[in-house]
Amino acid sequence: MKENEKIEEMFERFSNIINPLNLLGKTYTDRELVRKVLRSLSPKWRSKVDAIEEGRDFQTTTYDALRGNLITFETTQLSKVVEERNK
């Protein structure tokens, strides 16, 4: 994940890499995609990544559920942090 990149932009770049691989016959399970996304997040996401990995349903989290979870976290939590820093 690039510095100051929104999560939606990161998922778009990720999809632009994964989709052509699917066309070439390389497929990934939801579990593999979730691991790759979590591993690629920047350090400011570390607390959220830890919470997801320690959660009891981590092994069954789907790619789409992770995407929704991270978008929600970004809009509710990280935007508050940015607003407080700008004050």
PDB file of N, CA and C in Angstrom:
ATOM      1  N   MET A   1       0.846  -1.174   0.000  1.00  0.00           N
ATOM      2  CA  MET A   1       0.000   0.000   0.000  1.00  0.00           C
ATOM      3  C   MET A   1       0.890   1.235   0.000  1.00  0.00           C
ATOM      4  N   LYS A   2       0.540   2.167  -0.853  1.00  0.00           N
ATOM      5  CA  LYS A   2       1.318   3.402  -0.938  1.00  0.00           C
ATOM      6  C   LYS A   2       0.954   4.348   0.203  1.00  0.00           C
ATOM      7  N   GLU A   3       1.883   5.209   0.547  1.00  0.00           N
ATOM      8  CA  GLU A   3       1.646   6.194   1.602  1.00  0.00           C
ATOM      9  C   GLU A   3       0.506   7.119   1.190  1.00  0.00           C
ATOM     10  N   ASN A   4      -0.418   7.404   2.096  1.00  0.00           N
ATOM     11  CA  ASN A   4      -1.582   8.276   1.872  1.00  0.00           C
ATOM     12  C   ASN A   4      -2.529   7.755   0.798  1.00  0.00           C
ATOM     13  N   GLU A   5      -2.470   6.469   0.503  1.00  0.00           N
ATOM     14  CA  GLU A   5      -3.384   5.872  -0.472  1.00  0.00           C
ATOM     15  C   GLU A   5      -4.644   5.410   0.254  1.00  0.00           C
ATOM     16  N   LYS A   6      -5.785   5.671  -0.332  1.00  0.00           N
ATOM     17  CA  LYS A   6      -7.040   5.210   0.253  1.00  0.00           C
ATOM     18  C   LYS A   6      -7.179   3.712   0.018  1.00  0.00           C
ATOM     19  N   ILE A   7      -7.915   3.061   0.903  1.00  0.00           N
ATOM     20  CA  ILE A   7      -8.057   1.608   0.828  1.00  0.00           C
ATOM     21  C   ILE A   7      -8.739   1.191  -0.477  1.00  0.00           C
ATOM     22  N   GLU A   8      -9.681   1.979  -0.943  1.00  0.00           N
ATOM     23  CA  GLU A   8     -10.376   1.669  -2.196  1.00  0.00           C
ATOM     24  C   GLU A   8      -9.395   1.700  -3.372  1.00  0.00           C
ATOM     25  N   GLU A   9      -8.462   2.635  -3.359  1.00  0.00           N
ATOM     26  CA  GLU A   9      -7.443   2.703  -4.415  1.00  0.00           C
ATOM     27  C   GLU A   9      -6.519   1.491  -4.353  1.00  0.00           C
ATOM     28  N   MET A  10      -6.180   1.073  -3.143  1.00  0.00           N
ATOM     29  CA  MET A  10      -5.320  -0.094  -2.979  1.00  0.00           C
ATOM     30  C   MET A  10      -6.011  -1.349  -3.506  1.00  0.00           C
ATOM     31  N   PHE A  11      -7.300  -1.502  -3.194  1.00  0.00           N
ATOM     32  CA  PHE A  11      -8.044  -2.662  -3.682  1.00  0.00           C
ATOM     33  C   PHE A  11      -8.169  -2.639  -5.206  1.00  0.00           C
ATOM     34  N   GLU A  12      -8.288  -1.461  -5.786  1.00  0.00           N
ATOM     35  CA  GLU A  12      -8.348  -1.358  -7.243  1.00  0.00           C
ATOM     36  C   GLU A  12      -7.030  -1.830  -7.863  1.00  0.00           C
ATOM     37  N   ARG A  13      -5.914  -1.380  -7.308  1.00  0.00           N
ATOM     38  CA  ARG A  13      -4.611  -1.825  -7.817  1.00  0.00           C
ATOM     39  C   ARG A  13      -4.433  -3.329  -7.624  1.00  0.00           C
ATOM     40  N   PHE A  14      -4.860  -3.828  -6.475  1.00  0.00           N
ATOM     41  CA  PHE A  14      -4.767  -5.256  -6.181  1.00  0.00           C
ATOM     42  C   PHE A  14      -5.579  -6.064  -7.195  1.00  0.00           C
ATOM     43  N   SER A  15      -6.790  -5.614  -7.477  1.00  0.00           N
ATOM     44  CA  SER A  15      -7.643  -6.297  -8.459  1.00  0.00           C
ATOM     45  C   SER A  15      -7.037  -6.252  -9.854  1.00  0.00           C
ATOM     46  N   ASN A  16      -6.400  -5.134 -10.185  1.00  0.00           N
ATOM     47  CA  ASN A  16      -5.756  -5.015 -11.498  1.00  0.00           C
ATOM     48  C   ASN A  16      -4.591  -5.991 -11.655  1.00  0.00           C
ATOM     49  N   ILE A  17      -4.054  -6.463 -10.570  1.00  0.00           N
ATOM     50  CA  ILE A  17      -2.989  -7.468 -10.614  1.00  0.00           C
ATOM     51  C   ILE A  17      -3.580  -8.879 -10.616  1.00  0.00           C
ATOM     52  N   ILE A  18      -4.556  -9.115  -9.751  1.00  0.00           N
ATOM     53  CA  ILE A  18      -5.116 -10.455  -9.568  1.00  0.00           C
ATOM     54  C   ILE A  18      -5.976 -10.899 -10.755  1.00  0.00           C
ATOM     55  N   ASN A  19      -6.797 -10.008 -11.304  1.00  0.00           N
ATOM     56  CA  ASN A  19      -7.706 -10.403 -12.385  1.00  0.00           C
ATOM     57  C   ASN A  19      -6.991 -10.954 -13.613  1.00  0.00           C
ATOM     58  N   PRO A  20      -5.928 -10.317 -14.108  1.00  0.00           N
ATOM     59  CA  PRO A  20      -5.217 -10.917 -15.248  1.00  0.00           C
ATOM     60  C   PRO A  20      -4.592 -12.277 -14.909  1.00  0.00           C
ATOM     61  N   LEU A  21      -4.175 -12.449 -13.658  1.00  0.00           N
ATOM     62  CA  LEU A  21      -3.632 -13.747 -13.257  1.00  0.00           C
ATOM     63  C   LEU A  21      -4.703 -14.830 -13.333  1.00  0.00           C
ATOM     64  N   ASN A  22      -5.940 -14.471 -12.960  1.00  0.00           N
ATOM     65  CA  ASN A  22      -7.051 -15.420 -13.071  1.00  0.00           C
ATOM     66  C   ASN A  22      -7.261 -15.835 -14.523  1.00  0.00           C
ATOM     67  N   LEU A  23      -7.160 -14.876 -15.432  1.00  0.00           N
ATOM     68  CA  LEU A  23      -7.321 -15.178 -16.857  1.00  0.00           C
ATOM     69  C   LEU A  23      -6.225 -16.114 -17.364  1.00  0.00           C
ATOM     70  N   LEU A  24      -5.060 -16.041 -16.751  1.00  0.00           N
ATOM     71  CA  LEU A  24      -3.945 -16.904 -17.140  1.00  0.00           C
ATOM     72  C   LEU A  24      -3.980 -18.262 -16.439  1.00  0.00           C
ATOM     73  N   GLY A  25      -4.990 -18.463 -15.604  1.00  0.00           N
ATOM     74  CA  GLY A  25      -5.145 -19.753 -14.940  1.00  0.00           C
ATOM     75  C   GLY A  25      -4.632 -19.816 -13.519  1.00  0.00           C
ATOM     76  N   LYS A  26      -4.074 -18.741 -13.014  1.00  0.00           N
ATOM     77  CA  LYS A  26      -3.597 -18.713 -11.631  1.00  0.00           C
ATOM     78  C   LYS A  26      -4.714 -18.168 -10.753  1.00  0.00           C
ATOM     79  N   THR A  27      -5.299 -19.032  -9.960  1.00  0.00           N
ATOM     80  CA  THR A  27      -6.392 -18.604  -9.090  1.00  0.00           C
ATOM     81  C   THR A  27      -5.945 -18.653  -7.632  1.00  0.00           C
ATOM     82  N   TYR A  28      -6.593 -17.839  -6.831  1.00  0.00           N
ATOM     83  CA  TYR A  28      -6.307 -17.760  -5.407  1.00  0.00           C
ATOM     84  C   TYR A  28      -7.597 -17.988  -4.636  1.00  0.00           C
ATOM     85  N   THR A  29      -7.489 -18.648  -3.495  1.00  0.00           N
ATOM     86  CA  THR A  29      -8.636 -18.807  -2.615  1.00  0.00           C
ATOM     87  C   THR A  29      -8.881 -17.492  -1.883  1.00  0.00           C
ATOM     88  N   ASP A  30     -10.060 -17.357  -1.292  1.00  0.00           N
ATOM     89  CA  ASP A  30     -10.351 -16.161  -0.490  1.00  0.00           C
ATOM     90  C   ASP A  30      -9.325 -16.011   0.628  1.00  0.00           C
ATOM     91  N   ARG A  31      -8.962 -17.110   1.229  1.00  0.00           N
ATOM     92  CA  ARG A  31      -7.996 -17.071   2.336  1.00  0.00           C
ATOM     93  C   ARG A  31      -6.649 -16.514   1.870  1.00  0.00           C
ATOM     94  N   GLU A  32      -6.197 -16.938   0.682  1.00  0.00           N
ATOM     95  CA  GLU A  32      -4.934 -16.433   0.144  1.00  0.00           C
ATOM     96  C   GLU A  32      -5.028 -14.945  -0.180  1.00  0.00           C
ATOM     97  N   LEU A  33      -6.154 -14.527  -0.756  1.00  0.00           N
ATOM     98  CA  LEU A  33      -6.339 -13.111  -1.086  1.00  0.00           C
ATOM     99  C   LEU A  33      -6.358 -12.253   0.173  1.00  0.00           C
ATOM    100  N   VAL A  34      -7.045 -12.727   1.202  1.00  0.00           N
ATOM    101  CA  VAL A  34      -7.115 -11.994   2.473  1.00  0.00           C
ATOM    102  C   VAL A  34      -5.716 -11.838   3.056  1.00  0.00           C
ATOM    103  N   ARG A  35      -4.936 -12.905   3.055  1.00  0.00           N
ATOM    104  CA  ARG A  35      -3.569 -12.835   3.585  1.00  0.00           C
ATOM    105  C   ARG A  35      -2.714 -11.849   2.794  1.00  0.00           C
ATOM    106  N   LYS A  36      -2.831 -11.864   1.472  1.00  0.00           N
ATOM    107  CA  LYS A  36      -2.040 -10.966   0.630  1.00  0.00           C
ATOM    108  C   LYS A  36      -2.411  -9.503   0.879  1.00  0.00           C
ATOM    109  N   VAL A  37      -3.707  -9.234   1.018  1.00  0.00           N
ATOM    110  CA  VAL A  37      -4.150  -7.863   1.281  1.00  0.00           C
ATOM    111  C   VAL A  37      -3.635  -7.395   2.637  1.00  0.00           C
ATOM    112  N   LEU A  38      -3.821  -8.203   3.664  1.00  0.00           N
ATOM    113  CA  LEU A  38      -3.382  -7.810   5.007  1.00  0.00           C
ATOM    114  C   LEU A  38      -1.877  -7.575   5.055  1.00  0.00           C
ATOM    115  N   ARG A  39      -1.134  -8.388   4.348  1.00  0.00           N
ATOM    116  CA  ARG A  39       0.321  -8.251   4.329  1.00  0.00           C
ATOM    117  C   ARG A  39       0.760  -6.975   3.613  1.00  0.00           C
ATOM    118  N   SER A  40      -0.056  -6.501   2.681  1.00  0.00           N
ATOM    119  CA  SER A  40       0.336  -5.330   1.885  1.00  0.00           C
ATOM    120  C   SER A  40      -0.049  -3.992   2.515  1.00  0.00           C
ATOM    121  N   LEU A  41      -0.805  -4.013   3.602  1.00  0.00           N
ATOM    122  CA  LEU A  41      -1.247  -2.759   4.218  1.00  0.00           C
ATOM    123  C   LEU A  41      -0.088  -2.035   4.895  1.00  0.00           C
ATOM    124  N   SER A  42      -0.173  -0.712   4.903  1.00  0.00           N
ATOM    125  CA  SER A  42       0.880   0.117   5.496  1.00  0.00           C
ATOM    126  C   SER A  42       0.846   0.022   7.026  1.00  0.00           C
ATOM    127  N   PRO A  43       1.902   0.470   7.691  1.00  0.00           N
ATOM    128  CA  PRO A  43       1.988   0.375   9.151  1.00  0.00           C
ATOM    129  C   PRO A  43       0.834   1.052   9.903  1.00  0.00           C
ATOM    130  N   LYS A  44       0.228   2.082   9.344  1.00  0.00           N
ATOM    131  CA  LYS A  44      -0.875   2.741  10.063  1.00  0.00           C
ATOM    132  C   LYS A  44      -2.077   1.810  10.223  1.00  0.00           C
ATOM    133  N   TRP A  45      -2.108   0.732   9.475  1.00  0.00           N
ATOM    134  CA  TRP A  45      -3.180  -0.260   9.548  1.00  0.00           C
ATOM    135  C   TRP A  45      -2.839  -1.402  10.498  1.00  0.00           C
ATOM    136  N   ARG A  46      -1.674  -1.386  11.125  1.00  0.00           N
ATOM    137  CA  ARG A  46      -1.198  -2.511  11.926  1.00  0.00           C
ATOM    138  C   ARG A  46      -2.198  -2.935  13.002  1.00  0.00           C
ATOM    139  N   SER A  47      -2.799  -1.978  13.697  1.00  0.00           N
ATOM    140  CA  SER A  47      -3.736  -2.339  14.768  1.00  0.00           C
ATOM    141  C   SER A  47      -4.951  -3.070  14.207  1.00  0.00           C
ATOM    142  N   LYS A  48      -5.428  -2.634  13.067  1.00  0.00           N
ATOM    143  CA  LYS A  48      -6.584  -3.288  12.445  1.00  0.00           C
ATOM    144  C   LYS A  48      -6.209  -4.676  11.940  1.00  0.00           C
ATOM    145  N   VAL A  49      -5.041  -4.806  11.335  1.00  0.00           N
ATOM    146  CA  VAL A  49      -4.573  -6.111  10.852  1.00  0.00           C
ATOM    147  C   VAL A  49      -4.464  -7.085  12.023  1.00  0.00           C
ATOM    148  N   ASP A  50      -3.878  -6.636  13.125  1.00  0.00           N
ATOM    149  CA  ASP A  50      -3.748  -7.491  14.310  1.00  0.00           C
ATOM    150  C   ASP A  50      -5.114  -7.923  14.824  1.00  0.00           C
ATOM    151  N   ALA A  51      -6.059  -6.998  14.871  1.00  0.00           N
ATOM    152  CA  ALA A  51      -7.404  -7.322  15.352  1.00  0.00           C
ATOM    153  C   ALA A  51      -8.075  -8.351  14.445  1.00  0.00           C
ATOM    154  N   ILE A  52      -7.906  -8.209  13.155  1.00  0.00           N
ATOM    155  CA  ILE A  52      -8.503  -9.159  12.208  1.00  0.00           C
ATOM    156  C   ILE A  52      -7.855 -10.530  12.350  1.00  0.00           C
ATOM    157  N   GLU A  53      -6.536 -10.561  12.422  1.00  0.00           N
ATOM    158  CA  GLU A  53      -5.826 -11.838  12.514  1.00  0.00           C
ATOM    159  C   GLU A  53      -6.110 -12.569  13.821  1.00  0.00           C
ATOM    160  N   GLU A  54      -6.345 -11.831  14.888  1.00  0.00           N
ATOM    161  CA  GLU A  54      -6.623 -12.457  16.175  1.00  0.00           C
ATOM    162  C   GLU A  54      -8.095 -12.814  16.345  1.00  0.00           C
ATOM    163  N   GLY A  55      -8.930 -12.323  15.453  1.00  0.00           N
ATOM    164  CA  GLY A  55     -10.356 -12.621  15.533  1.00  0.00           C
ATOM    165  C   GLY A  55     -10.637 -14.086  15.292  1.00  0.00           C
ATOM    166  N   ARG A  56     -11.687 -14.566  15.893  1.00  0.00           N
ATOM    167  CA  ARG A  56     -11.991 -15.996  15.796  1.00  0.00           C
ATOM    168  C   ARG A  56     -12.458 -16.412  14.410  1.00  0.00           C
ATOM    169  N   ASP A  57     -12.975 -15.484  13.611  1.00  0.00           N
ATOM    170  CA  ASP A  57     -13.460 -15.847  12.278  1.00  0.00           C
ATOM    171  C   ASP A  57     -12.472 -15.490  11.167  1.00  0.00           C
ATOM    172  N   PHE A  58     -11.217 -15.232  11.530  1.00  0.00           N
ATOM    173  CA  PHE A  58     -10.212 -14.836  10.540  1.00  0.00           C
ATOM    174  C   PHE A  58     -10.060 -15.880   9.440  1.00  0.00           C
ATOM    175  N   GLN A  59     -10.060 -17.141   9.794  1.00  0.00           N
ATOM    176  CA  GLN A  59      -9.843 -18.210   8.816  1.00  0.00           C
ATOM    177  C   GLN A  59     -10.969 -18.300   7.793  1.00  0.00           C
ATOM    178  N   THR A  60     -12.135 -17.770   8.119  1.00  0.00           N
ATOM    179  CA  THR A  60     -13.273 -17.859   7.198  1.00  0.00           C
ATOM    180  C   THR A  60     -13.636 -16.514   6.573  1.00  0.00           C
ATOM    181  N   THR A  61     -12.857 -15.479   6.840  1.00  0.00           N
ATOM    182  CA  THR A  61     -13.125 -14.152   6.279  1.00  0.00           C
ATOM    183  C   THR A  61     -12.949 -14.186   4.768  1.00  0.00           C
ATOM    184  N   THR A  62     -13.935 -13.660   4.050  1.00  0.00           N
ATOM    185  CA  THR A  62     -13.844 -13.614   2.591  1.00  0.00           C
ATOM    186  C   THR A  62     -13.180 -12.308   2.158  1.00  0.00           C
ATOM    187  N   TYR A  63     -12.741 -12.307   0.923  1.00  0.00           N
ATOM    188  CA  TYR A  63     -12.114 -11.121   0.332  1.00  0.00           C
ATOM    189  C   TYR A  63     -13.079  -9.938   0.379  1.00  0.00           C
ATOM    190  N   ASP A  64     -14.337 -10.173  -0.002  1.00  0.00           N
ATOM    191  CA  ASP A  64     -15.330  -9.095  -0.014  1.00  0.00           C
ATOM    192  C   ASP A  64     -15.636  -8.590   1.390  1.00  0.00           C
ATOM    193  N   ALA A  65     -15.699  -9.502   2.359  1.00  0.00           N
ATOM    194  CA  ALA A  65     -15.948  -9.095   3.744  1.00  0.00           C
ATOM    195  C   ALA A  65     -14.781  -8.267   4.273  1.00  0.00           C
ATOM    196  N   LEU A  66     -13.573  -8.676   3.944  1.00  0.00           N
ATOM    197  CA  LEU A  66     -12.392  -7.914   4.363  1.00  0.00           C
ATOM    198  C   LEU A  66     -12.413  -6.525   3.754  1.00  0.00           C
ATOM    199  N   ARG A  67     -12.731  -6.454   2.484  1.00  0.00           N
ATOM    200  CA  ARG A  67     -12.790  -5.162   1.796  1.00  0.00           C
ATOM    201  C   ARG A  67     -13.785  -4.234   2.493  1.00  0.00           C
ATOM    202  N   GLY A  68     -14.978  -4.731   2.758  1.00  0.00           N
ATOM    203  CA  GLY A  68     -15.989  -3.930   3.451  1.00  0.00           C
ATOM    204  C   GLY A  68     -15.536  -3.510   4.835  1.00  0.00           C
ATOM    205  N   ASN A  69     -14.911  -4.423   5.547  1.00  0.00           N
ATOM    206  CA  ASN A  69     -14.415  -4.153   6.890  1.00  0.00           C
ATOM    207  C   ASN A  69     -13.372  -3.041   6.871  1.00  0.00           C
ATOM    208  N   LEU A  70     -12.432  -3.111   5.941  1.00  0.00           N
ATOM    209  CA  LEU A  70     -11.368  -2.109   5.875  1.00  0.00           C
ATOM    210  C   LEU A  70     -11.879  -0.753   5.405  1.00  0.00           C
ATOM    211  N   ILE A  71     -12.824  -0.748   4.479  1.00  0.00           N
ATOM    212  CA  ILE A  71     -13.408   0.519   4.019  1.00  0.00           C
ATOM    213  C   ILE A  71     -14.151   1.192   5.167  1.00  0.00           C
ATOM    214  N   THR A  72     -14.912   0.412   5.914  1.00  0.00           N
ATOM    215  CA  THR A  72     -15.634   0.955   7.067  1.00  0.00           C
ATOM    216  C   THR A  72     -14.665   1.513   8.099  1.00  0.00           C
ATOM    217  N   PHE A  73     -13.618   0.773   8.388  1.00  0.00           N
ATOM    218  CA  PHE A  73     -12.617   1.231   9.355  1.00  0.00           C
ATOM    219  C   PHE A  73     -11.981   2.534   8.896  1.00  0.00           C
ATOM    220  N   GLU A  74     -11.638   2.605   7.614  1.00  0.00           N
ATOM    221  CA  GLU A  74     -11.001   3.815   7.094  1.00  0.00           C
ATOM    222  C   GLU A  74     -11.921   5.024   7.216  1.00  0.00           C
ATOM    223  N   THR A  75     -13.170   4.862   6.864  1.00  0.00           N
ATOM    224  CA  THR A  75     -14.075   6.011   6.877  1.00  0.00           C
ATOM    225  C   THR A  75     -14.445   6.445   8.290  1.00  0.00           C
ATOM    226  N   THR A  76     -14.488   5.515   9.233  1.00  0.00           N
ATOM    227  CA  THR A  76     -14.895   5.891  10.589  1.00  0.00           C
ATOM    228  C   THR A  76     -13.731   6.236  11.506  1.00  0.00           C
ATOM    229  N   GLN A  77     -12.680   5.450  11.472  1.00  0.00           N
ATOM    230  CA  GLN A  77     -11.592   5.625  12.428  1.00  0.00           C
ATOM    231  C   GLN A  77     -10.444   6.478  11.911  1.00  0.00           C
ATOM    232  N   LEU A  78      -9.909   6.117  10.782  1.00  0.00           N
ATOM    233  CA  LEU A  78      -8.731   6.827  10.290  1.00  0.00           C
ATOM    234  C   LEU A  78      -9.044   8.265   9.913  1.00  0.00           C
ATOM    235  N   SER A  79     -10.245   8.526   9.429  1.00  0.00           N
ATOM    236  CA  SER A  79     -10.590   9.905   9.085  1.00  0.00           C
ATOM    237  C   SER A  79     -10.663  10.774  10.342  1.00  0.00           C
ATOM    238  N   LYS A  80     -11.074  10.193  11.467  1.00  0.00           N
ATOM    239  CA  LYS A  80     -11.101  10.935  12.733  1.00  0.00           C
ATOM    240  C   LYS A  80      -9.688  11.314  13.168  1.00  0.00           C
ATOM    241  N   VAL A  81      -8.756  10.412  12.988  1.00  0.00           N
ATOM    242  CA  VAL A  81      -7.361  10.668  13.362  1.00  0.00           C
ATOM    243  C   VAL A  81      -6.795  11.806  12.525  1.00  0.00           C
ATOM    244  N   VAL A  82      -7.072  11.795  11.245  1.00  0.00           N
ATOM    245  CA  VAL A  82      -6.581  12.845  10.349  1.00  0.00           C
ATOM    246  C   VAL A  82      -7.178  14.189  10.738  1.00  0.00           C
ATOM    247  N   GLU A  83      -8.469  14.221  11.047  1.00  0.00           N
ATOM    248  CA  GLU A  83      -9.125  15.468  11.442  1.00  0.00           C
ATOM    249  C   GLU A  83      -8.505  16.028  12.720  1.00  0.00           C
ATOM    250  N   GLU A  84      -8.213  15.158  13.679  1.00  0.00           N
ATOM    251  CA  GLU A  84      -7.618  15.608  14.939  1.00  0.00           C
ATOM    252  C   GLU A  84      -6.213  16.162  14.732  1.00  0.00           C
ATOM    253  N   ARG A  85      -5.469  15.566  13.830  1.00  0.00           N
ATOM    254  CA  ARG A  85      -4.112  16.051  13.550  1.00  0.00           C
ATOM    255  C   ARG A  85      -4.136  17.402  12.853  1.00  0.00           C
ATOM    256  N   ASN A  86      -5.160  17.664  12.072  1.00  0.00           N
ATOM    257  CA  ASN A  86      -5.259  18.924  11.336  1.00  0.00           C
ATOM    258  C   ASN A  86      -5.717  20.080  12.216  1.00  0.00           C
ATOM    259  N   LYS A  87      -6.189  19.806  13.418  1.00  0.00           N
ATOM    260  CA  LYS A  87      -6.664  20.871  14.312  1.00  0.00           C
ATOM    261  C   LYS A  87      -5.519  21.593  14.953  1.00  0.00           C
TER     262      LYS A  87
END
